[in-house]
Amino acid sequence: MFEELTEEIEGISLPFLRELQVELIDLKVRRQGMTVVIQILADRPMGGITMDECATLNRKICEKIDAGG
């Protein structure tokens, strides 16, 4: 179940990551009690990313997931 979900979330995330010119370093999907937790680690090879960029990625990815992909 988590393999398919991980692939789906990666597909949703990559366009937003490319838009900000950052790379996907790691993506983990796990269950914590009754909640599914998604962890995305992204970085820019030269210079890193800002907290504002993290917030933007989080918002865009969550909106897309909430809209059903």
Protein backbone atom coordinates (compact mmCIF):
# COMPACT_ATOMS: atom_id res chain seq x y z
CA MET A 1 0.00 0.00 0.00
CA PHE A 2 2.70 2.51 0.93
CA GLU A 3 4.72 1.79 -2.23
CA GLU A 4 1.87 2.96 -4.47
CA LEU A 5 1.18 5.95 -2.24
CA THR A 6 4.86 6.88 -2.20
CA GLU A 7 5.01 6.77 -6.01
CA GLU A 8 1.84 8.85 -6.28
CA ILE A 9 3.16 11.49 -3.89
CA GLU A 10 6.49 11.57 -5.71
CA GLY A 11 4.62 12.22 -8.96
CA ILE A 12 2.63 15.01 -7.32
CA SER A 13 5.72 16.56 -5.70
CA LEU A 14 8.23 16.54 -8.56
CA PRO A 15 6.62 19.34 -10.63
CA PHE A 16 6.63 21.67 -7.60
CA LEU A 17 10.20 20.72 -6.75
CA ARG A 18 11.31 21.42 -10.31
CA GLU A 19 9.47 24.74 -10.25
CA LEU A 20 11.64 25.85 -7.32
CA GLN A 21 14.71 24.15 -8.84
CA VAL A 22 15.23 21.80 -5.89
CA GLU A 23 15.94 18.08 -5.82
CA LEU A 24 14.01 15.34 -4.06
CA ILE A 25 16.46 13.77 -1.62
CA ASP A 26 14.14 11.39 0.22
CA LEU A 27 10.44 10.60 0.48
CA LYS A 28 8.94 8.48 3.25
CA VAL A 29 5.34 7.51 3.88
CA ARG A 30 4.51 5.81 7.16
CA ARG A 31 1.66 5.26 9.53
CA GLN A 32 1.71 6.87 12.97
CA GLY A 33 -1.31 5.55 14.82
CA MET A 34 -4.34 6.37 12.66
CA THR A 35 -2.47 9.06 10.72
CA VAL A 36 -0.42 8.68 7.54
CA VAL A 37 2.74 10.79 7.76
CA ILE A 38 4.50 11.99 4.63
CA GLN A 39 8.09 13.21 4.95
CA ILE A 40 9.76 14.91 2.00
CA LEU A 41 13.40 15.92 2.12
CA ALA A 42 14.35 18.37 -0.61
CA ASP A 43 17.46 20.45 -1.16
CA ARG A 44 19.21 22.56 -3.71
CA PRO A 45 22.72 21.29 -4.51
CA MET A 46 24.24 24.75 -4.36
CA GLY A 47 22.86 26.87 -1.55
CA GLY A 48 20.03 24.95 0.08
CA ILE A 49 16.42 26.07 0.33
CA THR A 50 14.76 28.63 2.53
CA MET A 51 12.00 28.16 5.08
CA ASP A 52 9.68 30.11 2.77
CA GLU A 53 10.42 27.65 -0.04
CA CYS A 54 9.73 24.74 2.33
CA ALA A 55 6.42 26.33 3.31
CA THR A 56 5.49 26.89 -0.34
CA LEU A 57 6.29 23.28 -1.23
CA ASN A 58 4.32 22.01 1.74
CA ARG A 59 1.29 24.13 0.87
CA LYS A 60 1.30 23.22 -2.84
CA ILE A 61 1.81 19.51 -2.25
CA CYS A 62 -0.89 19.40 0.45
CA GLU A 63 -3.35 21.27 -1.77
CA LYS A 64 -2.73 18.82 -4.61
CA ILE A 65 -3.09 15.77 -2.34
CA ASP A 66 -6.27 17.18 -0.77
CA ALA A 67 -7.70 17.80 -4.27
CA GLY A 68 -7.19 14.13 -5.07
CA GLY A 69 -3.92 14.26 -6.98
